[in-house]
């Protein structure tokens, strides 16, 4: 009898413990909303996205205890990865440059825009500033002091001579397949540049940069497409050639105005809000500017061995007032300690 009573008591305690464990587990699950161990970021190949990745990764890893990794690739490949769920977070989607694909992915519910990282960027046709103003330190005289607008280029084709077509200038467009490439092609027609300039379409962003770097180091004239904020516009003293203020109707017909504002957004795969809601709440507050982004890029240029991660740490120490507004105070404290 005594043995039966002891056995019954043990069974009762076991049942109570089991019930208590179940309640505790439910409480734990409800107290920690994130249901993921790792989040994957896209590295589409430029330094500003790497800096923003590094900032967000540190906050997610140190503040929320979730591991991260990065998948590198072209814009097309990484956007496709985001759509398919192989990539979770994209900190710099240049929406106007991939407008059709981006809008298709949003409409299909494959990805979700969570914030605008920055929207004060510029893109268009640049020349090295010494082309217009000269550079006394380098002994470069002004080559085209009257060059102010894109349309003015037709007065200077010989200055930007195309080695393959003497007598014509070379205008470096964006790579084929980029939305802005078609716009620049139309601009050339609208501004009357086709007779005097070759519409040169490089194979990649790297080819644009190599072309500019060679010309800049030699102190030669160069004109071509680029955008800011980038490591390139942070490193080189460039002047954006002027165009009429952006007008949607005119731009739609002729492209003969400034390019439309390009929202650079933070986007996530459709499953991320459910599996990492705390992280998405943080990303909804993620907002910088071209100037803030370019500070980190300048740091990398001035410290040639500095990685994007090191630039991110430097930036976070300098701008604690910015990023701490994105997250709860207890999360911010954990991140601060890691710095």
Protein backbone atom coordinates (compact mmCIF):
# COMPACT_ATOMS: atom_id res chain seq x y z
CA UNK A 1 0.00 0.00 0.00
CA UNK A 2 2.79 2.37 0.99
CA UNK A 3 4.58 1.58 -2.29
CA UNK A 4 1.41 2.33 -4.24
CA UNK A 5 1.01 5.68 -2.48
CA UNK A 6 4.64 6.61 -3.21
CA UNK A 7 4.24 5.58 -6.84
CA UNK A 8 1.05 7.64 -7.15
CA UNK A 9 2.78 10.66 -5.61
CA UNK A 10 5.71 10.35 -8.03
CA UNK A 11 3.34 10.09 -10.99
CA UNK A 12 1.44 13.18 -9.80
CA UNK A 13 4.67 15.15 -9.49
CA UNK A 14 5.72 14.00 -12.95
CA UNK A 15 2.41 15.17 -14.44
CA UNK A 16 2.65 18.52 -12.66
CA UNK A 17 6.21 18.97 -13.81
CA UNK A 18 5.20 18.15 -17.36
CA UNK A 19 2.36 20.67 -17.26
CA UNK A 20 4.64 23.28 -15.76
CA UNK A 21 7.26 22.57 -18.45
CA UNK A 22 4.68 23.00 -21.18
CA UNK A 23 3.53 26.36 -19.78
CA UNK A 24 7.14 27.49 -19.44
CA UNK A 25 7.91 26.48 -23.03
CA UNK A 26 4.90 28.38 -24.36
CA UNK A 27 5.90 31.41 -22.37
CA UNK A 28 9.43 31.17 -23.72
CA UNK A 29 8.15 30.93 -27.28
CA UNK A 30 5.84 33.91 -26.86
CA UNK A 31 8.57 35.92 -25.15
CA UNK A 32 10.97 35.39 -28.06
CA UNK A 33 9.13 36.07 -31.29
CA UNK A 34 12.02 35.32 -33.65
CA UNK A 35 11.86 31.80 -35.08
CA UNK A 36 15.09 31.73 -37.04
CA UNK A 37 18.75 30.96 -36.27
CA UNK A 38 20.30 32.68 -39.28
CA UNK A 39 19.49 35.45 -41.76
CA UNK A 40 21.16 35.84 -45.17
CA UNK A 41 22.10 39.22 -46.67
CA UNK A 42 22.69 40.12 -50.34
CA UNK A 43 26.02 41.56 -51.47
CA UNK A 44 25.38 42.89 -54.98
CA UNK A 45 28.97 44.02 -55.41
CA UNK A 46 29.40 47.62 -54.25
CA UNK A 47 30.82 49.02 -51.02
CA UNK A 48 27.82 50.98 -49.77
CA UNK A 49 25.64 47.86 -49.63
CA UNK A 50 28.48 46.09 -47.81
CA UNK A 51 28.63 48.88 -45.22
CA UNK A 52 24.86 48.81 -44.67
CA UNK A 53 24.98 45.02 -44.45
CA UNK A 54 27.69 45.23 -41.81
CA UNK A 55 25.75 47.76 -39.73
CA UNK A 56 22.58 45.66 -39.85
CA UNK A 57 24.46 42.41 -39.26
CA UNK A 58 26.09 43.72 -36.10
CA UNK A 59 22.75 44.90 -34.72
CA UNK A 60 21.07 41.59 -35.57
CA UNK A 61 23.88 39.40 -34.26
CA UNK A 62 24.73 41.32 -31.09
CA UNK A 63 21.31 42.80 -30.35
CA UNK A 64 19.02 39.94 -31.30
CA UNK A 65 21.33 36.92 -31.07
CA UNK A 66 20.71 35.75 -34.64
CA UNK A 67 23.57 34.61 -36.87
CA UNK A 68 24.00 36.21 -40.30
CA UNK A 69 25.85 35.46 -43.50
CA UNK A 70 26.26 37.15 -46.88
CA UNK A 71 25.60 35.82 -50.38
CA UNK A 72 27.55 37.71 -53.08
CA UNK A 73 26.45 37.99 -56.70
CA UNK A 74 25.26 40.29 -59.45
CA UNK A 75 22.20 42.49 -58.98
CA UNK A 76 20.12 40.11 -61.12
CA UNK A 77 21.27 37.01 -59.23
CA UNK A 78 20.83 38.46 -55.74
CA UNK A 79 17.41 39.93 -56.47
CA UNK A 80 16.34 36.53 -57.80
CA UNK A 81 17.74 34.98 -54.61
CA UNK A 82 15.64 37.40 -52.56
CA UNK A 83 12.53 36.47 -54.54
CA UNK A 84 13.12 32.76 -54.05
CA UNK A 85 14.03 32.96 -50.36
CA UNK A 86 17.71 32.02 -50.67
CA UNK A 87 18.39 35.59 -49.47
CA UNK A 88 16.46 37.15 -46.59
CA UNK A 89 17.54 40.81 -46.49
CA UNK A 90 18.59 43.35 -49.16
CA UNK A 91 19.76 46.65 -47.63
CA UNK A 92 20.14 48.61 -50.91
CA UNK A 93 17.60 47.89 -53.62
CA UNK A 94 17.98 50.63 -56.24
CA UNK A 95 14.34 50.35 -57.25
CA UNK A 96 14.35 52.52 -60.37
CA UNK A 97 17.32 50.67 -61.85
CA UNK A 98 15.45 47.34 -61.71
CA UNK A 99 11.96 48.80 -61.87
CA UNK A 100 10.16 46.03 -63.77
CA UNK A 101 11.67 43.17 -61.76
CA UNK A 102 11.18 44.99 -58.45
CA UNK A 103 7.54 45.87 -59.10
CA UNK A 104 6.83 42.34 -60.35
CA UNK A 105 8.32 40.85 -57.15
CA UNK A 106 6.35 43.24 -54.94
CA UNK A 107 3.07 42.59 -56.78
CA UNK A 108 3.63 38.83 -56.63
CA UNK A 109 4.13 39.08 -52.87
CA UNK A 110 7.58 37.51 -53.11
CA UNK A 111 9.36 40.37 -51.35
CA UNK A 112 8.35 43.16 -49.00
CA UNK A 113 9.68 46.72 -48.87
CA UNK A 114 10.23 47.58 -45.20
CA UNK A 115 11.91 51.00 -45.35
CA UNK A 116 13.62 53.60 -47.53
CA UNK A 117 17.32 53.53 -46.69
CA UNK A 118 17.91 56.82 -48.54
CA UNK A 119 16.27 58.73 -51.39
CA UNK A 120 18.52 61.77 -51.80
CA UNK A 121 20.87 60.09 -54.26
CA UNK A 122 21.94 61.40 -57.66
CA UNK A 123 22.61 59.68 -60.96
CA UNK A 124 23.46 60.88 -64.41
CA UNK A 125 26.43 61.84 -66.55
CA UNK A 126 29.59 62.92 -64.73
CA UNK A 127 32.92 64.42 -65.75
CA UNK A 128 36.03 64.83 -63.59
CA UNK A 129 35.82 68.33 -62.12
CA UNK A 130 39.27 69.17 -63.53
CA UNK A 131 37.76 68.96 -67.04
CA UNK A 132 35.78 72.12 -66.25
CA UNK A 133 37.87 73.85 -63.58
CA UNK A 134 41.37 72.46 -64.05
CA UNK A 135 43.55 71.23 -61.19
CA UNK A 136 46.40 73.54 -60.20
CA UNK A 137 48.07 70.95 -57.96
CA UNK A 138 48.27 68.47 -60.81
CA UNK A 139 49.11 71.11 -63.40
CA UNK A 140 45.90 70.53 -65.34
CA UNK A 141 44.40 73.49 -67.20
CA UNK A 142 40.61 73.76 -67.62
CA UNK A 143 39.67 71.81 -70.76
CA UNK A 144 36.02 72.82 -71.11
CA UNK A 145 35.23 75.78 -68.87
CA UNK A 146 31.90 76.26 -70.65
CA UNK A 147 30.72 72.70 -70.01
CA UNK A 148 27.78 72.81 -67.63
CA UNK A 149 24.95 70.72 -69.06
CA UNK A 150 24.56 67.36 -70.81
CA UNK A 151 23.47 69.22 -73.95
CA UNK A 152 26.73 71.25 -73.85
CA UNK A 153 28.63 68.03 -74.60
CA UNK A 154 27.89 68.43 -78.31
CA UNK A 155 30.33 71.36 -78.29
CA UNK A 156 33.22 69.15 -77.10
CA UNK A 157 33.25 65.78 -78.95
CA UNK A 158 36.96 66.08 -79.76
CA UNK A 159 37.77 66.42 -76.06
CA UNK A 160 36.27 63.00 -75.29
CA UNK A 161 37.50 61.36 -78.49
CA UNK A 162 36.53 57.74 -79.06
CA UNK A 163 39.68 55.77 -80.00
CA UNK A 164 37.64 53.51 -82.29
CA UNK A 165 35.85 56.37 -84.09
CA UNK A 166 38.09 59.44 -84.43
CA UNK A 167 36.09 62.62 -84.81
CA UNK A 168 33.45 61.43 -82.39
CA UNK A 169 33.41 61.59 -78.62
CA UNK A 170 32.87 58.55 -76.37
CA UNK A 171 30.09 58.72 -73.82
CA UNK A 172 30.20 55.84 -71.32
CA UNK A 173 26.66 54.62 -70.79
CA UNK A 174 25.44 52.17 -68.12
CA UNK A 175 25.70 48.43 -68.91
CA UNK A 176 23.05 46.97 -71.22
CA UNK A 177 20.10 45.64 -69.25
CA UNK A 178 20.11 48.43 -66.67
CA UNK A 179 16.98 50.59 -66.86
CA UNK A 180 19.08 53.77 -66.82
CA UNK A 181 20.98 52.59 -69.93
CA UNK A 182 17.83 52.92 -72.03
CA UNK A 183 17.15 56.34 -70.50
CA UNK A 184 20.64 57.62 -71.36
CA UNK A 185 20.32 56.28 -74.90
CA UNK A 186 17.10 58.28 -75.25
CA UNK A 187 18.72 61.35 -73.66
CA UNK A 188 21.48 61.28 -76.27
CA UNK A 189 18.85 61.39 -79.00
CA UNK A 190 16.86 64.14 -77.26
CA UNK A 191 19.92 66.33 -76.63
CA UNK A 192 21.23 65.87 -80.19
CA UNK A 193 24.38 63.98 -79.20
CA UNK A 194 24.16 60.97 -81.52
CA UNK A 195 25.89 62.71 -84.43
CA UNK A 196 28.94 63.65 -82.38
CA UNK A 197 29.18 60.94 -79.69
CA UNK A 198 29.45 57.15 -79.61
CA UNK A 199 26.99 55.55 -77.19
CA UNK A 200 29.45 53.17 -75.53
CA UNK A 201 27.85 50.46 -73.36
CA UNK A 202 30.35 48.74 -71.06
CA UNK A 203 29.86 45.18 -69.92
CA UNK A 204 29.72 45.93 -66.22
CA UNK A 205 29.96 48.50 -63.45
CA UNK A 206 33.60 47.43 -62.99
CA UNK A 207 34.32 48.40 -66.60
CA UNK A 208 32.94 51.91 -65.98
CA UNK A 209 35.10 52.29 -62.90
CA UNK A 210 38.23 51.03 -64.68
CA UNK A 211 37.65 53.46 -67.55
CA UNK A 212 37.18 56.39 -65.16
CA UNK A 213 40.18 55.44 -62.99
CA UNK A 214 42.51 55.23 -66.02
CA UNK A 215 41.38 58.62 -67.33
CA UNK A 216 41.50 60.26 -63.90
CA UNK A 217 45.02 59.06 -63.10
CA UNK A 218 46.20 60.32 -66.51
CA UNK A 219 44.39 63.65 -66.07
CA UNK A 220 42.40 63.06 -69.27
CA UNK A 221 38.85 63.97 -70.19
CA UNK A 222 36.11 61.42 -69.45
CA UNK A 223 32.32 61.52 -69.48
CA UNK A 224 30.02 58.76 -68.36
CA UNK A 225 27.24 57.44 -66.23
CA UNK A 226 27.51 56.97 -62.48
CA UNK A 227 25.52 57.46 -59.32
CA UNK A 228 26.02 58.50 -55.72
CA UNK A 229 26.60 57.67 -52.96
CA UNK A 230 29.29 55.24 -54.03
CA UNK A 231 32.94 54.60 -53.30
CA UNK A 232 33.66 56.06 -56.74
CA UNK A 233 31.95 59.42 -56.12
CA UNK A 234 33.54 59.53 -52.68
CA UNK A 235 37.03 58.89 -54.07
CA UNK A 236 37.06 61.07 -57.19
CA UNK A 237 36.20 64.75 -57.55
CA UNK A 238 33.42 64.56 -60.13
CA UNK A 239 30.82 67.02 -61.41
CA UNK A 240 27.33 65.90 -62.38
CA UNK A 241 26.34 67.60 -65.64
CA UNK A 242 23.12 69.59 -65.30
CA UNK A 243 19.75 68.82 -66.84
CA UNK A 244 16.33 70.46 -66.47
CA UNK A 245 14.56 69.64 -63.22
CA UNK A 246 12.79 66.29 -63.22
CA UNK A 247 9.42 66.46 -64.95
CA UNK A 248 7.49 63.15 -65.06
CA UNK A 249 5.71 63.90 -68.34
CA UNK A 250 8.82 65.12 -70.17
CA UNK A 251 10.94 62.29 -68.75
CA UNK A 252 8.40 59.70 -69.88
CA UNK A 253 8.52 61.02 -73.46
CA UNK A 254 12.12 62.17 -74.04
CA UNK A 255 14.16 61.51 -70.85
CA UNK A 256 15.46 65.09 -71.31
CA UNK A 257 15.32 65.99 -67.60
CA UNK A 258 17.10 64.87 -64.47
CA UNK A 259 16.50 61.22 -63.59
CA UNK A 260 13.58 60.64 -61.23
CA UNK A 261 14.31 60.23 -57.52
CA UNK A 262 15.51 56.67 -56.95
CA UNK A 263 14.22 55.21 -53.71
CA UNK A 264 16.95 52.95 -52.34
CA UNK A 265 14.99 50.59 -50.14
CA UNK A 266 15.51 47.86 -47.58
CA UNK A 267 13.57 44.80 -48.70
CA UNK A 268 13.07 41.33 -47.23
CA UNK A 269 11.81 38.00 -48.50
CA UNK A 270 8.11 37.46 -47.79
CA UNK A 271 8.77 34.91 -45.01
CA UNK A 272 11.03 37.14 -42.91
CA UNK A 273 8.28 39.18 -41.17
CA UNK A 274 6.85 35.94 -39.77
CA UNK A 275 10.10 34.24 -38.79
CA UNK A 276 11.97 37.35 -37.54
CA UNK A 277 9.40 40.03 -36.59
CA UNK A 278 11.72 41.80 -34.14
CA UNK A 279 14.34 42.15 -36.87
CA UNK A 280 11.77 43.47 -39.33
CA UNK A 281 10.64 46.02 -36.73
CA UNK A 282 14.26 47.19 -36.57
CA UNK A 283 14.62 47.27 -40.36
CA UNK A 284 11.42 49.33 -40.67
CA UNK A 285 13.31 52.10 -38.83
CA UNK A 286 16.51 51.76 -40.89
CA UNK A 287 17.06 55.13 -42.54
CA UNK A 288 20.24 56.97 -43.51
CA UNK A 289 21.15 59.45 -46.27
CA UNK A 290 23.58 59.78 -49.15
CA UNK A 291 25.82 61.98 -47.00
CA UNK A 292 25.84 59.53 -44.09
CA UNK A 293 26.57 56.62 -46.42
CA UNK A 294 29.35 58.48 -48.19
CA UNK A 295 31.06 59.17 -44.83
CA UNK A 296 31.67 55.45 -44.44
CA UNK A 297 32.86 55.18 -48.03
CA UNK A 298 35.27 58.08 -47.50
CA UNK A 299 36.62 56.26 -44.44
CA UNK A 300 37.33 53.24 -46.62
CA UNK A 301 39.04 55.39 -49.26
CA UNK A 302 41.18 57.21 -46.71
CA UNK A 303 42.09 53.98 -44.93
CA UNK A 304 42.87 51.73 -47.87
CA UNK A 305 43.06 48.55 -45.83
CA UNK A 306 39.75 49.20 -44.08
CA UNK A 307 37.00 46.67 -44.74
CA UNK A 308 33.30 47.48 -44.95
CA UNK A 309 32.89 45.92 -41.51
CA UNK A 310 35.57 48.22 -40.04
CA UNK A 311 33.95 51.22 -41.73
CA UNK A 312 30.60 50.18 -40.25
CA UNK A 313 32.07 50.04 -36.73
CA UNK A 314 33.68 53.47 -37.21
CA UNK A 315 30.38 54.83 -38.52
CA UNK A 316 28.36 53.35 -35.65
CA UNK A 317 30.69 54.85 -33.07
CA UNK A 318 30.42 58.26 -34.74
CA UNK A 319 26.66 58.12 -35.30
CA UNK A 320 25.37 56.40 -32.19
CA UNK A 321 22.54 58.94 -32.11
CA UNK A 322 21.31 57.66 -35.49
CA UNK A 323 21.27 53.86 -35.18
CA UNK A 324 20.16 53.71 -31.54
CA UNK A 325 16.88 55.29 -32.64
CA UNK A 326 16.17 52.24 -34.79
CA UNK A 327 16.03 49.70 -31.96
CA UNK A 328 14.82 49.27 -28.34
CA UNK A 329 17.11 50.57 -25.60
CA UNK A 330 18.00 47.11 -24.24
CA UNK A 331 19.01 45.93 -27.72
CA UNK A 332 21.06 49.11 -28.28
CA UNK A 333 22.96 48.50 -25.02
CA UNK A 334 24.03 45.04 -26.19
CA UNK A 335 25.23 46.43 -29.51
CA UNK A 336 27.11 49.29 -27.82
CA UNK A 337 29.03 46.81 -25.67
CA UNK A 338 30.09 44.90 -28.78
CA UNK A 339 31.60 48.06 -30.26
